[in-house]
């Protein structure tokens, strides 16, 4: 009946921001991503994570990579 299960309380919605794992691919990056060039290679930087652009089966994807400056 009514009221079965745990009651949802607004404070239960806690989120932890974690670093993007290296090697993760995404189909697009937000417009806020900056394009930078390091060692004659093009990278996109978003929220401190570097991405490289690849073509996969005709689709553009972006892969999280190690910081190329380190």
N, C-alpha and C. Protein backbone atom coordinates (compact mmCIF):
# COMPACT_ATOMS: atom_id res chain seq x y z
N UNK A 1 0.80 -1.19 0.00
CA UNK A 1 0.00 0.00 0.00
C UNK A 1 0.84 1.25 0.00
N UNK A 2 0.25 2.30 0.51
CA UNK A 2 0.93 3.60 0.53
C UNK A 2 2.08 3.60 1.53
N UNK A 3 3.15 4.32 1.19
CA UNK A 3 4.24 4.52 2.13
C UNK A 3 5.21 3.35 2.27
N UNK A 4 5.12 2.36 1.38
CA UNK A 4 6.08 1.27 1.46
C UNK A 4 7.43 1.72 0.90
N UNK A 5 8.52 1.24 1.50
CA UNK A 5 9.86 1.58 1.01
C UNK A 5 10.38 2.83 1.68
N UNK A 6 11.65 3.12 1.43
CA UNK A 6 12.27 4.28 2.07
C UNK A 6 11.69 5.59 1.55
N UNK A 7 11.60 6.54 2.43
CA UNK A 7 11.08 7.85 2.05
C UNK A 7 12.20 8.65 1.39
N UNK A 8 11.88 9.28 0.27
CA UNK A 8 12.88 10.10 -0.42
C UNK A 8 12.99 11.44 0.29
N UNK A 9 14.20 11.77 0.68
CA UNK A 9 14.45 13.05 1.35
C UNK A 9 15.39 13.85 0.45
N UNK A 10 15.13 15.12 0.31
CA UNK A 10 15.88 15.97 -0.61
C UNK A 10 17.39 15.88 -0.36
N UNK A 11 17.81 15.76 0.89
CA UNK A 11 19.24 15.75 1.19
C UNK A 11 19.93 14.45 0.77
N UNK A 12 19.17 13.47 0.30
CA UNK A 12 19.76 12.21 -0.16
C UNK A 12 20.48 12.36 -1.50
N UNK A 13 20.27 13.46 -2.19
CA UNK A 13 20.83 13.64 -3.54
C UNK A 13 22.20 14.29 -3.46
N UNK A 14 23.19 13.52 -3.07
CA UNK A 14 24.56 14.03 -2.99
C UNK A 14 25.35 13.48 -4.17
N UNK A 15 26.13 14.34 -4.80
CA UNK A 15 26.93 13.94 -5.95
C UNK A 15 28.39 14.20 -5.67
N UNK A 16 29.25 13.30 -6.12
CA UNK A 16 30.68 13.48 -5.98
C UNK A 16 31.26 13.65 -7.38
N UNK A 17 32.02 14.70 -7.56
CA UNK A 17 32.66 14.94 -8.85
C UNK A 17 33.97 14.17 -8.86
N UNK A 18 34.13 13.32 -9.88
CA UNK A 18 35.36 12.53 -9.99
C UNK A 18 36.04 12.85 -11.31
N UNK A 19 37.34 12.64 -11.36
CA UNK A 19 38.10 12.90 -12.58
C UNK A 19 37.66 11.94 -13.68
N UNK A 20 37.68 12.41 -14.91
CA UNK A 20 37.35 11.57 -16.05
C UNK A 20 38.46 10.53 -16.24
N UNK A 21 38.12 9.24 -16.30
CA UNK A 21 39.16 8.22 -16.47
C UNK A 21 39.81 8.30 -17.85
N UNK A 22 41.13 8.11 -17.89
CA UNK A 22 41.86 8.11 -19.15
C UNK A 22 41.35 6.96 -20.01
N UNK A 23 41.15 7.22 -21.30
CA UNK A 23 40.69 6.19 -22.22
C UNK A 23 39.19 6.19 -22.46
N UNK A 24 38.46 6.95 -21.65
CA UNK A 24 37.01 7.06 -21.85
C UNK A 24 36.75 7.84 -23.15
N UNK A 25 35.80 7.38 -23.95
CA UNK A 25 35.45 8.12 -25.16
C UNK A 25 34.04 8.69 -25.03
N UNK A 26 33.89 9.87 -25.62
CA UNK A 26 32.58 10.54 -25.63
C UNK A 26 32.28 10.97 -27.05
N UNK A 27 31.00 11.02 -27.43
CA UNK A 27 30.64 11.36 -28.82
C UNK A 27 30.77 12.84 -29.14
N UNK A 28 30.82 13.68 -28.12
CA UNK A 28 30.96 15.12 -28.35
C UNK A 28 31.47 15.79 -27.09
N UNK A 29 31.95 17.01 -27.26
CA UNK A 29 32.40 17.81 -26.12
C UNK A 29 31.56 19.07 -26.07
N UNK A 30 31.38 19.64 -24.89
CA UNK A 30 30.63 20.89 -24.78
C UNK A 30 31.31 22.02 -25.56
N UNK A 31 30.55 23.01 -25.96
CA UNK A 31 31.10 24.15 -26.70
C UNK A 31 32.17 24.88 -25.89
N UNK A 32 32.14 24.74 -24.57
CA UNK A 32 33.10 25.42 -23.72
C UNK A 32 34.50 24.80 -23.79
N UNK A 33 34.63 23.62 -24.39
CA UNK A 33 35.93 22.97 -24.50
C UNK A 33 36.86 23.84 -25.35
N UNK A 34 38.10 23.98 -24.90
CA UNK A 34 39.10 24.78 -25.62
C UNK A 34 39.99 23.88 -26.46
N UNK A 35 40.28 24.31 -27.70
CA UNK A 35 41.21 23.56 -28.53
C UNK A 35 42.61 24.13 -28.29
N UNK A 36 43.56 23.25 -27.98
CA UNK A 36 44.93 23.67 -27.73
C UNK A 36 45.87 22.80 -28.55
N UNK A 37 47.08 23.30 -28.79
CA UNK A 37 48.07 22.52 -29.50
C UNK A 37 49.26 22.30 -28.58
N UNK A 38 49.65 21.02 -28.42
CA UNK A 38 50.80 20.66 -27.60
C UNK A 38 51.66 19.73 -28.45
N UNK A 39 52.94 20.08 -28.62
CA UNK A 39 53.87 19.26 -29.42
C UNK A 39 53.29 18.95 -30.80
N UNK A 40 52.76 19.97 -31.46
CA UNK A 40 52.20 19.85 -32.82
C UNK A 40 51.01 18.91 -32.92
N UNK A 41 50.38 18.60 -31.80
CA UNK A 41 49.16 17.79 -31.81
C UNK A 41 48.02 18.63 -31.25
N UNK A 42 46.83 18.38 -31.78
CA UNK A 42 45.66 19.13 -31.37
C UNK A 42 44.92 18.38 -30.26
N UNK A 43 44.58 19.10 -29.21
CA UNK A 43 43.83 18.54 -28.09
C UNK A 43 42.65 19.45 -27.77
N UNK A 44 41.68 18.89 -27.10
CA UNK A 44 40.58 19.68 -26.57
C UNK A 44 40.63 19.55 -25.05
N UNK A 45 40.48 20.67 -24.36
CA UNK A 45 40.54 20.66 -22.90
C UNK A 45 39.18 21.09 -22.37
N UNK A 46 38.63 20.26 -21.48
CA UNK A 46 37.37 20.60 -20.84
C UNK A 46 37.45 20.21 -19.37
N UNK A 47 37.24 21.16 -18.49
CA UNK A 47 37.28 20.95 -17.04
C UNK A 47 38.54 20.22 -16.62
N UNK A 48 39.68 20.62 -17.21
CA UNK A 48 40.97 20.07 -16.80
C UNK A 48 41.33 18.74 -17.42
N UNK A 49 40.45 18.16 -18.23
CA UNK A 49 40.73 16.88 -18.89
C UNK A 49 41.07 17.13 -20.35
N UNK A 50 42.12 16.48 -20.82
CA UNK A 50 42.52 16.58 -22.22
C UNK A 50 41.88 15.47 -23.03
N UNK A 51 41.41 15.82 -24.22
CA UNK A 51 40.80 14.86 -25.13
C UNK A 51 41.47 14.96 -26.49
N UNK A 52 41.59 13.82 -27.18
CA UNK A 52 42.03 13.81 -28.57
C UNK A 52 40.86 13.38 -29.43
N UNK A 53 40.79 13.99 -30.62
CA UNK A 53 39.71 13.68 -31.55
C UNK A 53 40.11 12.51 -32.44
N UNK A 54 39.20 11.57 -32.59
CA UNK A 54 39.42 10.41 -33.46
C UNK A 54 38.20 10.22 -34.35
N UNK A 55 38.42 9.54 -35.49
CA UNK A 55 37.31 9.14 -36.34
C UNK A 55 37.13 7.64 -36.15
N UNK A 56 35.92 7.23 -35.78
CA UNK A 56 35.62 5.82 -35.52
C UNK A 56 34.43 5.42 -36.37
N UNK A 57 34.65 4.58 -37.38
CA UNK A 57 33.58 4.17 -38.30
C UNK A 57 32.85 5.38 -38.88
N UNK A 58 33.61 6.42 -39.22
CA UNK A 58 33.02 7.60 -39.82
C UNK A 58 32.44 8.60 -38.83
N UNK A 59 32.42 8.23 -37.54
CA UNK A 59 31.92 9.13 -36.51
C UNK A 59 33.07 9.76 -35.75
N UNK A 60 32.94 11.02 -35.40
CA UNK A 60 33.95 11.69 -34.60
C UNK A 60 33.71 11.38 -33.13
N UNK A 61 34.77 10.95 -32.45
CA UNK A 61 34.70 10.71 -31.01
C UNK A 61 35.88 11.42 -30.35
N UNK A 62 35.79 11.58 -29.06
CA UNK A 62 36.84 12.22 -28.30
C UNK A 62 37.26 11.29 -27.17
N UNK A 63 38.58 11.04 -27.06
CA UNK A 63 39.08 10.15 -26.02
C UNK A 63 39.86 10.94 -24.99
N UNK A 64 39.56 10.68 -23.72
CA UNK A 64 40.31 11.31 -22.63
C UNK A 64 41.72 10.74 -22.61
N UNK A 65 42.71 11.63 -22.57
CA UNK A 65 44.11 11.22 -22.61
C UNK A 65 44.87 11.87 -21.45
N UNK A 66 46.07 11.35 -21.18
CA UNK A 66 46.93 11.94 -20.16
C UNK A 66 47.26 13.38 -20.57
N UNK A 67 47.51 14.22 -19.59
CA UNK A 67 47.91 15.60 -19.85
C UNK A 67 49.19 15.58 -20.67
N UNK A 68 49.14 16.06 -21.92
CA UNK A 68 50.32 15.96 -22.80
C UNK A 68 51.47 16.86 -22.38
N UNK A 69 51.24 17.77 -21.45
CA UNK A 69 52.29 18.69 -21.02
C UNK A 69 53.16 18.10 -19.93
N UNK A 70 52.71 16.98 -19.35
CA UNK A 70 53.48 16.42 -18.22
C UNK A 70 54.48 15.37 -18.66
